[in-house]
Structure formats: C-alpha cells, structure tokens
Amino acid sequence: MRNDIIEYLQKEVYRRCKQPTNKFGMGCYYHIESVAKNAELLAEKYGADKEVVIIAAWLHDIASITDYSMYEEHHVYGATIAKEILNELNYEDEKTELVQKCVFNHRGSVNLEKLSKEELCVVDADAISHFDSVPSLLYLAYVERKMNIEEGV
C-alpha cells in the first residue's frame, strides 16, 4: 500500500479545499474524505484493488476544487490532473491508468460504462457519500449558486 501517496493526497486535497477559489467550501473536503472511506469499504467487500480505489477516491473531484471552471467536465480534467500528480509521485503506470479510469468514470450523472471493480467502487462510494455530506450540498445550492427553495429541490 502506497501510504505515502495517500497521505500526500489527503493533505493536497485539504490544501486545495481551503483555497478561496474553491466554490464548494470545506464541505467538499468532507465529501471527498467520505468517498475515500466508503470506497475502501467497498473495495474490501468486492475484492477490488484497495490502493487504486483509495487513491482514485481522493482524486475524483480534484479538478472541481482546483478550478470551478472545470466543474462541468471535472471527470475529464480530473483524470488528466490525476495522471500528472501520480507521475510526479512515481506511481506505477498501470495503476495510474486504473486510477484515471476511476476518476473519469466516477460520475453517476454521466452515462459512462464502468468496466472494473475499482471504477464501480469509486462511483458507488461517491453516490453513498452524499448521504454523509448533505450540509455541503445545501451550501453549494443555496450559498454558492444562490438557488431559491424550488431550484434547490
């Protein structure tokens, strides 16, 4: 297990979430942390590569927290950013590709085929985590996007 990479990503995601340019606020950090925890549990249950799943979970929203202009396509930009970060950390090429696929295919709202156990663990963990982070969703809708009640519903 590359705990050095996981620890680095936890700190890097936290740092990026604290930036004033992060439109999601710190609630996004707690969402990502929840995705990582849920993804690890799912990887254990389904026999997926736990290291890949945890790393992908920490990186799945990296583009959104880095630059809000990437939000609509954050799965695409995120896969590229994930590769850049993991290359800098000398992560194995084969595992980097798996992480990229997990990041690229993590969105339940985008109809992309999930082919590996790892991809399914990350997409499901992302969906499950929204139950853990309702306050961050409300913050995004009503504070950042300034929605009224009907729009938020």
N, C-alpha and C. Protein backbone atom coordinates (compact mmCIF):
# COMPACT_ATOMS: atom_id res chain seq x y z
N MET A 1 0.86 -1.19 0.00
CA MET A 1 0.00 0.00 0.00
C MET A 1 0.89 1.23 0.00
N ARG A 2 0.64 2.15 -0.93
CA ARG A 2 1.43 3.38 -1.03
C ARG A 2 0.84 4.44 -0.09
N ASN A 3 1.06 4.25 1.19
CA ASN A 3 0.55 5.18 2.19
C ASN A 3 1.13 6.57 2.02
N ASP A 4 2.36 6.66 1.48
CA ASP A 4 2.97 7.97 1.24
C ASP A 4 2.12 8.78 0.26
N ILE A 5 1.62 8.13 -0.77
CA ILE A 5 0.79 8.82 -1.77
C ILE A 5 -0.56 9.18 -1.16
N ILE A 6 -1.15 8.26 -0.43
CA ILE A 6 -2.46 8.52 0.18
C ILE A 6 -2.36 9.69 1.15
N GLU A 7 -1.33 9.71 1.98
CA GLU A 7 -1.14 10.81 2.94
C GLU A 7 -0.90 12.14 2.21
N TYR A 8 -0.11 12.09 1.14
CA TYR A 8 0.13 13.30 0.34
C TYR A 8 -1.19 13.81 -0.23
N LEU A 9 -2.00 12.92 -0.79
CA LEU A 9 -3.27 13.33 -1.41
C LEU A 9 -4.24 13.91 -0.39
N GLN A 10 -4.29 13.32 0.80
CA GLN A 10 -5.15 13.87 1.85
C GLN A 10 -4.77 15.32 2.13
N LYS A 11 -3.49 15.58 2.27
CA LYS A 11 -3.01 16.93 2.56
C LYS A 11 -3.22 17.87 1.38
N GLU A 12 -2.97 17.37 0.17
CA GLU A 12 -3.11 18.21 -1.03
C GLU A 12 -4.58 18.56 -1.27
N VAL A 13 -5.47 17.61 -1.10
CA VAL A 13 -6.90 17.89 -1.27
C VAL A 13 -7.36 18.89 -0.21
N TYR A 14 -6.90 18.72 1.02
CA TYR A 14 -7.25 19.65 2.09
C TYR A 14 -6.76 21.06 1.74
N ARG A 15 -5.52 21.14 1.26
CA ARG A 15 -4.95 22.44 0.89
C ARG A 15 -5.77 23.10 -0.21
N ARG A 16 -6.12 22.34 -1.22
CA ARG A 16 -6.90 22.91 -2.34
C ARG A 16 -8.31 23.29 -1.89
N CYS A 17 -8.88 22.53 -0.99
CA CYS A 17 -10.22 22.86 -0.49
C CYS A 17 -10.22 24.15 0.31
N LYS A 18 -9.12 24.47 0.96
CA LYS A 18 -9.03 25.69 1.77
C LYS A 18 -8.82 26.95 0.93
N GLN A 19 -8.52 26.78 -0.34
CA GLN A 19 -8.27 27.94 -1.19
C GLN A 19 -9.56 28.74 -1.39
N PRO A 20 -9.45 30.07 -1.41
CA PRO A 20 -10.66 30.89 -1.60
C PRO A 20 -11.32 30.67 -2.97
N THR A 21 -10.60 30.11 -3.91
CA THR A 21 -11.15 29.83 -5.24
C THR A 21 -12.01 28.58 -5.27
N ASN A 22 -11.99 27.78 -4.21
CA ASN A 22 -12.81 26.56 -4.15
C ASN A 22 -14.25 26.95 -3.83
N LYS A 23 -15.10 26.88 -4.83
CA LYS A 23 -16.50 27.31 -4.69
C LYS A 23 -17.33 26.39 -3.81
N PHE A 24 -16.82 25.22 -3.50
CA PHE A 24 -17.58 24.24 -2.73
C PHE A 24 -17.37 24.37 -1.22
N GLY A 25 -16.40 25.17 -0.82
CA GLY A 25 -16.11 25.30 0.60
C GLY A 25 -15.48 24.04 1.16
N MET A 26 -15.28 24.04 2.46
CA MET A 26 -14.63 22.89 3.10
C MET A 26 -15.53 21.67 3.13
N GLY A 27 -16.82 21.85 2.90
CA GLY A 27 -17.70 20.69 2.83
C GLY A 27 -17.25 19.69 1.78
N CYS A 28 -16.59 20.18 0.75
CA CYS A 28 -16.11 19.31 -0.31
C CYS A 28 -15.01 18.38 0.22
N TYR A 29 -14.20 18.89 1.13
CA TYR A 29 -13.15 18.03 1.72
C TYR A 29 -13.82 16.86 2.45
N TYR A 30 -14.86 17.16 3.22
CA TYR A 30 -15.52 16.11 3.98
C TYR A 30 -16.22 15.13 3.05
N HIS A 31 -16.72 15.63 1.94
CA HIS A 31 -17.30 14.74 0.92
C HIS A 31 -16.23 13.80 0.38
N ILE A 32 -15.09 14.34 -0.01
CA ILE A 32 -14.02 13.53 -0.59
C ILE A 32 -13.50 12.52 0.44
N GLU A 33 -13.35 12.97 1.67
CA GLU A 33 -12.90 12.08 2.75
C GLU A 33 -13.90 10.92 2.92
N SER A 34 -15.18 11.23 2.84
CA SER A 34 -16.22 10.22 2.96
C SER A 34 -16.16 9.25 1.78
N VAL A 35 -15.92 9.76 0.58
CA VAL A 35 -15.79 8.90 -0.59
C VAL A 35 -14.64 7.93 -0.38
N ALA A 36 -13.51 8.42 0.12
CA ALA A 36 -12.35 7.56 0.34
C ALA A 36 -12.67 6.45 1.35
N LYS A 37 -13.35 6.80 2.43
CA LYS A 37 -13.70 5.79 3.45
C LYS A 37 -14.68 4.76 2.88
N ASN A 38 -15.72 5.24 2.20
CA ASN A 38 -16.69 4.32 1.61
C ASN A 38 -16.07 3.46 0.52
N ALA A 39 -15.19 4.04 -0.28
CA ALA A 39 -14.53 3.31 -1.36
C ALA A 39 -13.66 2.18 -0.79
N GLU A 40 -12.97 2.47 0.30
CA GLU A 40 -12.14 1.44 0.92
C GLU A 40 -13.00 0.26 1.39
N LEU A 41 -14.12 0.57 2.02
CA LEU A 41 -15.03 -0.49 2.47
C LEU A 41 -15.55 -1.32 1.30
N LEU A 42 -15.93 -0.65 0.23
CA LEU A 42 -16.43 -1.35 -0.95
C LEU A 42 -15.34 -2.20 -1.61
N ALA A 43 -14.12 -1.68 -1.65
CA ALA A 43 -13.01 -2.43 -2.25
C ALA A 43 -12.77 -3.72 -1.47
N GLU A 44 -12.83 -3.63 -0.15
CA GLU A 44 -12.65 -4.83 0.68
C GLU A 44 -13.77 -5.83 0.42
N LYS A 45 -14.98 -5.33 0.33
CA LYS A 45 -16.14 -6.20 0.13
C LYS A 45 -16.12 -6.90 -1.23
N TYR A 46 -15.71 -6.19 -2.28
CA TYR A 46 -15.80 -6.73 -3.64
C TYR A 46 -14.47 -7.19 -4.22
N GLY A 47 -13.41 -7.16 -3.43
CA GLY A 47 -12.12 -7.67 -3.89
C GLY A 47 -11.45 -6.80 -4.94
N ALA A 48 -11.69 -5.51 -4.88
CA ALA A 48 -11.03 -4.58 -5.80
C ALA A 48 -9.66 -4.20 -5.25
N ASP A 49 -8.84 -3.59 -6.07
CA ASP A 49 -7.52 -3.12 -5.64
C ASP A 49 -7.74 -1.93 -4.71
N LYS A 50 -7.57 -2.16 -3.42
CA LYS A 50 -7.89 -1.14 -2.42
C LYS A 50 -7.03 0.10 -2.59
N GLU A 51 -5.77 -0.07 -2.90
CA GLU A 51 -4.88 1.09 -3.08
C GLU A 51 -5.36 1.98 -4.22
N VAL A 52 -5.67 1.39 -5.34
CA VAL A 52 -6.15 2.15 -6.50
C VAL A 52 -7.45 2.87 -6.16
N VAL A 53 -8.34 2.19 -5.49
CA VAL A 53 -9.65 2.74 -5.15
C VAL A 53 -9.50 3.93 -4.20
N ILE A 54 -8.66 3.80 -3.19
CA ILE A 54 -8.47 4.89 -2.23
C ILE A 54 -7.84 6.10 -2.92
N ILE A 55 -6.82 5.86 -3.71
CA ILE A 55 -6.16 6.97 -4.42
C ILE A 55 -7.14 7.65 -5.37
N ALA A 56 -7.89 6.87 -6.11
CA ALA A 56 -8.89 7.44 -7.04
C ALA A 56 -9.95 8.23 -6.28
N ALA A 57 -10.35 7.72 -5.13
CA ALA A 57 -11.36 8.43 -4.34
C ALA A 57 -10.84 9.79 -3.91
N TRP A 58 -9.60 9.87 -3.47
CA TRP A 58 -9.04 11.16 -3.07
C TRP A 58 -8.91 12.11 -4.26
N LEU A 59 -8.79 11.57 -5.46
CA LEU A 59 -8.59 12.40 -6.65
C LEU A 59 -9.86 12.65 -7.47
N HIS A 60 -10.97 12.01 -7.14
CA HIS A 60 -12.12 12.03 -8.05
C HIS A 60 -12.67 13.44 -8.31
N ASP A 61 -12.58 14.36 -7.36
CA ASP A 61 -13.08 15.73 -7.55
C ASP A 61 -11.96 16.76 -7.59
N ILE A 62 -10.76 16.34 -7.87
CA ILE A 62 -9.59 17.24 -7.82
C ILE A 62 -9.75 18.42 -8.77
N ALA A 63 -10.34 18.22 -9.93
CA ALA A 63 -10.50 19.32 -10.89
C ALA A 63 -11.49 20.35 -10.37
N SER A 64 -12.59 19.90 -9.77
CA SER A 64 -13.61 20.82 -9.27
C SER A 64 -13.09 21.73 -8.19
N ILE A 65 -12.28 21.19 -7.28
CA ILE A 65 -11.77 22.01 -6.19
C ILE A 65 -10.60 22.87 -6.61
N THR A 66 -9.98 22.51 -7.72
CA THR A 66 -8.83 23.27 -8.23
C THR A 66 -9.29 24.50 -9.00
N ASP A 67 -10.30 24.32 -9.85
CA ASP A 67 -10.77 25.42 -10.69
C ASP A 67 -12.23 25.15 -11.06
N TYR A 68 -13.13 25.96 -10.54
CA TYR A 68 -14.56 25.75 -10.74
C TYR A 68 -14.95 25.74 -12.22
N SER A 69 -14.17 26.40 -13.06
CA SER A 69 -14.50 26.42 -14.49
C SER A 69 -14.40 25.01 -15.10
N MET A 70 -13.77 24.08 -14.41
CA MET A 70 -13.67 22.70 -14.89
C MET A 70 -14.82 21.82 -14.39
N TYR A 71 -15.71 22.39 -13.58
CA TYR A 71 -16.72 21.59 -12.90
C TYR A 71 -17.55 20.71 -13.84
N GLU A 72 -18.09 21.29 -14.90
CA GLU A 72 -18.99 20.52 -15.78
C GLU A 72 -18.31 19.30 -16.39
N GLU A 73 -17.02 19.39 -16.62
CA GLU A 73 -16.26 18.27 -17.19
C GLU A 73 -15.17 17.82 -16.22
N HIS A 74 -15.45 17.92 -14.92
CA HIS A 74 -14.39 17.66 -13.94
C HIS A 74 -13.88 16.22 -13.96
N HIS A 75 -14.69 15.31 -14.45
CA HIS A 75 -14.22 13.93 -14.58
C HIS A 75 -13.13 13.81 -15.65
N VAL A 76 -13.26 14.59 -16.71
CA VAL A 76 -12.27 14.57 -17.79
C VAL A 76 -10.98 15.25 -17.33
N TYR A 77 -11.10 16.48 -16.83
CA TYR A 77 -9.94 17.21 -16.34
C TYR A 77 -9.29 16.49 -15.16
N GLY A 78 -10.11 15.91 -14.31
CA GLY A 78 -9.60 15.21 -13.13
C GLY A 78 -8.71 14.04 -13.49
N ALA A 79 -9.07 13.30 -14.53
CA ALA A 79 -8.25 12.17 -14.96
C ALA A 79 -6.87 12.65 -15.41
N THR A 80 -6.83 13.80 -16.07
CA THR A 80 -5.55 14.37 -16.51
C THR A 80 -4.72 14.84 -15.32
N ILE A 81 -5.37 15.53 -14.40
CA ILE A 81 -4.67 16.02 -13.21
C ILE A 81 -4.16 14.84 -12.38
N ALA A 82 -4.97 13.80 -12.26
CA ALA A 82 -4.56 12.61 -11.52
C ALA A 82 -3.28 12.02 -12.10
N LYS A 83 -3.22 11.93 -13.43
CA LYS A 83 -2.03 11.39 -14.08
C LYS A 83 -0.81 12.26 -13.78
N GLU A 84 -0.97 13.56 -13.86
CA GLU A 84 0.14 14.47 -13.59
C GLU A 84 0.66 14.29 -12.16
N ILE A 85 -0.26 14.26 -11.20
CA ILE A 85 0.14 14.12 -9.79
C ILE A 85 0.81 12.77 -9.56
N LEU A 86 0.21 11.71 -10.06
CA LEU A 86 0.75 10.37 -9.81
C LEU A 86 2.07 10.14 -10.52
N ASN A 87 2.26 10.76 -11.68
CA ASN A 87 3.56 10.67 -12.35
C ASN A 87 4.64 11.36 -11.52
N GLU A 88 4.31 12.50 -10.94
CA GLU A 88 5.27 13.21 -10.08
C GLU A 88 5.63 12.38 -8.85
N LEU A 89 4.71 11.55 -8.40
CA LEU A 89 4.93 10.72 -7.21
C LEU A 89 5.47 9.33 -7.56
N ASN A 90 5.83 9.14 -8.82
CA ASN A 90 6.40 7.87 -9.30
C ASN A 90 5.50 6.67 -9.04
N TYR A 91 4.23 6.86 -9.26
CA TYR A 91 3.29 5.76 -9.11
C TYR A 91 3.34 4.90 -10.37
N GLU A 92 3.09 3.61 -10.22
CA GLU A 92 3.16 2.67 -11.34
C GLU A 92 2.22 3.10 -12.48
N ASP A 93 2.71 3.02 -13.71
CA ASP A 93 1.92 3.42 -14.87
C ASP A 93 0.61 2.65 -14.99
N GLU A 94 0.67 1.34 -14.78
CA GLU A 94 -0.53 0.51 -14.92
C GLU A 94 -1.59 0.91 -13.89
N LYS A 95 -1.17 1.17 -12.67
CA LYS A 95 -2.11 1.57 -11.63
C LYS A 95 -2.60 3.00 -11.85
N THR A 96 -1.72 3.85 -12.39
CA THR A 96 -2.13 5.21 -12.71
C THR A 96 -3.27 5.19 -13.72
N GLU A 97 -3.18 4.31 -14.72
CA GLU A 97 -4.25 4.19 -15.72
C GLU A 97 -5.56 3.76 -15.07
N LEU A 98 -5.49 2.84 -14.11
CA LEU A 98 -6.71 2.40 -13.40
C LEU A 98 -7.31 3.55 -12.60
N VAL A 99 -6.46 4.32 -11.94
CA VAL A 99 -6.93 5.48 -11.18
C VAL A 99 -7.60 6.46 -12.13
N GLN A 100 -6.98 6.73 -13.26
CA GLN A 100 -7.55 7.66 -14.24
C GLN A 100 -8.94 7.18 -14.70
N LYS A 101 -9.09 5.89 -14.95
CA LYS A 101 -10.38 5.36 -15.38
C LYS A 101 -11.43 5.56 -14.28
N CYS A 102 -11.01 5.35 -13.03
CA CYS A 102 -11.94 5.55 -11.91
C CYS A 102 -12.38 7.00 -11.82
N VAL A 103 -11.43 7.93 -11.97
CA VAL A 103 -11.76 9.35 -11.90
C VAL A 103 -12.64 9.74 -13.09
N PHE A 104 -12.28 9.28 -14.26
CA PHE A 104 -13.03 9.62 -15.47
C PHE A 104 -14.47 9.10 -15.40
N ASN A 105 -14.66 7.93 -14.83
CA ASN A 105 -15.97 7.29 -14.83
C ASN A 105 -16.73 7.40 -13.51
N HIS A 106 -16.32 8.30 -12.62
CA HIS A 106 -16.93 8.35 -11.30
C HIS A 106 -18.30 9.00 -11.25
N ARG A 107 -18.68 9.72 -12.26
CA ARG A 107 -19.92 10.49 -12.20
C ARG A 107 -21.13 9.63 -12.54
N GLY A 108 -22.03 9.53 -11.58
CA GLY A 108 -23.28 8.83 -11.82
C GLY A 108 -24.18 9.58 -12.78
N SER A 109 -24.00 10.90 -12.86
CA SER A 109 -24.84 11.73 -13.73
C SER A 109 -24.39 11.72 -15.19
N VAL A 110 -23.26 11.08 -15.45
CA VAL A 110 -22.76 10.96 -16.82
C VAL A 110 -22.79 9.48 -17.17
N ASN A 111 -23.48 9.14 -18.23
CA ASN A 111 -23.66 7.74 -18.59
C ASN A 111 -22.41 7.19 -19.29
N LEU A 112 -21.46 6.75 -18.46
CA LEU A 112 -20.24 6.14 -18.97
C LEU A 112 -20.16 4.71 -18.43
N GLU A 113 -19.65 3.82 -19.24
CA GLU A 113 -19.56 2.43 -18.82
C GLU A 113 -18.44 2.23 -17.81
N LYS A 114 -18.78 1.60 -16.71
CA LYS A 114 -17.81 1.28 -15.67
C LYS A 114 -17.44 -0.19 -15.85
N LEU A 115 -16.17 -0.45 -16.15
CA LEU A 115 -15.78 -1.81 -16.52
C LEU A 115 -15.08 -2.58 -15.41
N SER A 116 -14.51 -1.90 -14.46
CA SER A 116 -13.72 -2.60 -13.44
C SER A 116 -14.38 -2.51 -12.07
N LYS A 117 -13.99 -3.40 -11.19
CA LYS A 117 -14.46 -3.35 -9.81
C LYS A 117 -14.05 -2.03 -9.17
N GLU A 118 -12.86 -1.56 -9.52
CA GLU A 118 -12.35 -0.32 -8.95
C GLU A 118 -13.24 0.86 -9.34
N GLU A 119 -13.62 0.94 -10.62
CA GLU A 119 -14.49 2.03 -11.08
C GLU A 119 -15.83 1.98 -10.35
N LEU A 120 -16.39 0.79 -10.22
CA LEU A 120 -17.68 0.64 -9.54
C LEU A 120 -17.59 1.04 -8.07
N CYS A 121 -16.50 0.70 -7.42
CA CYS A 121 -16.32 1.08 -6.01
C CYS A 121 -16.29 2.60 -5.86
N VAL A 122 -15.59 3.30 -6.75
CA VAL A 122 -15.48 4.75 -6.63
C VAL A 122 -16.81 5.42 -6.96
N VAL A 123 -17.47 5.00 -8.02
CA VAL A 123 -18.75 5.64 -8.37
C VAL A 123 -19.80 5.38 -7.28
N ASP A 124 -19.83 4.18 -6.74
CA ASP A 124 -20.79 3.89 -5.68
C ASP A 124 -20.45 4.63 -4.39
N ALA A 125 -19.18 4.72 -4.07
CA ALA A 125 -18.75 5.45 -2.86
C ALA A 125 -19.10 6.93 -2.99
N ASP A 126 -18.97 7.47 -4.19
CA ASP A 126 -19.32 8.87 -4.42
C ASP A 126 -20.81 9.07 -4.19
N ALA A 127 -21.62 8.18 -4.71
CA ALA A 127 -23.07 8.29 -4.52
C ALA A 127 -23.44 8.14 -3.04
N ILE A 128 -22.89 7.15 -2.38
CA ILE A 128 -23.18 6.90 -0.96
C ILE A 128 -22.77 8.10 -0.11
N SER A 129 -21.65 8.72 -0.45
CA SER A 129 -21.10 9.79 0.39
C SER A 129 -22.02 11.01 0.46
N HIS A 130 -22.88 11.18 -0.51
CA HIS A 130 -23.76 12.34 -0.48
C HIS A 130 -24.73 12.27 0.71
N PHE A 131 -24.98 11.08 1.19
CA PHE A 131 -25.78 10.95 2.41
C PHE A 131 -25.00 11.42 3.63
N ASP A 132 -23.67 11.32 3.54
CA ASP A 132 -22.79 11.76 4.64
C ASP A 132 -22.52 13.26 4.59
N SER A 133 -22.82 13.89 3.46
CA SER A 133 -22.41 15.29 3.30
C SER A 133 -23.55 16.19 2.81
N VAL A 134 -24.71 16.00 3.34
CA VAL A 134 -25.87 16.82 2.97
C VAL A 134 -25.59 18.31 3.21
N PRO A 135 -24.95 18.70 4.32
CA PRO A 135 -24.69 20.13 4.51
C PRO A 135 -23.87 20.76 3.37
N SER A 136 -22.90 20.02 2.82
CA SER A 136 -22.11 20.60 1.73
C SER A 136 -22.94 20.76 0.47
N LEU A 137 -23.89 19.87 0.24
CA LEU A 137 -24.78 20.01 -0.92
C LEU A 137 -25.68 21.23 -0.76
N LEU A 138 -26.18 21.43 0.45
CA LEU A 138 -27.03 22.59 0.71
C LEU A 138 -26.23 23.88 0.58
N TYR A 139 -25.00 23.88 1.06
CA TYR A 139 -24.12 25.05 0.93
C TYR A 139 -23.92 25.40 -0.54
N LEU A 140 -23.61 24.39 -1.34
CA LEU A 140 -23.40 24.63 -2.77
C LEU A 140 -24.66 25.20 -3.42
N ALA A 141 -25.80 24.60 -3.15
CA ALA A 141 -27.04 25.03 -3.80
C ALA A 141 -27.48 26.42 -3.35
N TYR A 142 -27.53 26.65 -2.04
CA TYR A 142 -28.16 27.86 -1.53
C TYR A 142 -27.20 29.01 -1.26
N VAL A 143 -25.94 28.73 -1.04
CA VAL A 143 -24.98 29.80 -0.79
C VAL A 143 -24.21 30.13 -2.06
N GLU A 144 -23.55 29.14 -2.61
CA GLU A 144 -22.71 29.40 -3.79
C GLU A 144 -23.54 29.67 -5.05
N ARG A 145 -24.53 28.84 -5.30
CA ARG A 145 -25.33 29.00 -6.52
C ARG A 145 -26.55 29.89 -6.31
N LYS A 146 -26.78 30.32 -5.09
CA LYS A 146 -27.85 31.25 -4.73
C LYS A 146 -29.22 30.81 -5.27
N MET A 147 -29.50 29.52 -5.15
CA MET A 147 -30.78 28.97 -5.59
C MET A 147 -31.87 29.33 -4.57
N ASN A 148 -33.09 29.44 -5.08
CA ASN A 148 -34.22 29.53 -4.17
C ASN A 148 -34.66 28.11 -3.82
N ILE A 149 -35.66 28.00 -2.95
CA ILE A 149 -36.08 26.67 -2.49
C ILE A 149 -36.47 25.76 -3.65
N GLU A 150 -37.28 26.26 -4.57
CA GLU A 150 -37.74 25.43 -5.69
C GLU A 150 -36.57 24.97 -6.55
N GLU A 151 -35.63 25.85 -6.83
CA GLU A 151 -34.49 25.48 -7.65
C GLU A 151 -33.63 24.42 -6.93
N GLY A 152 -33.46 24.59 -5.64
CA GLY A 152 -32.67 23.64 -4.86
C GLY A 152 -33.28 22.26 -4.79
N VAL A 153 -34.60 22.23 -4.74
CA VAL A 153 -35.29 20.94 -4.70
C VAL A 153 -35.04 20.20 -6.00
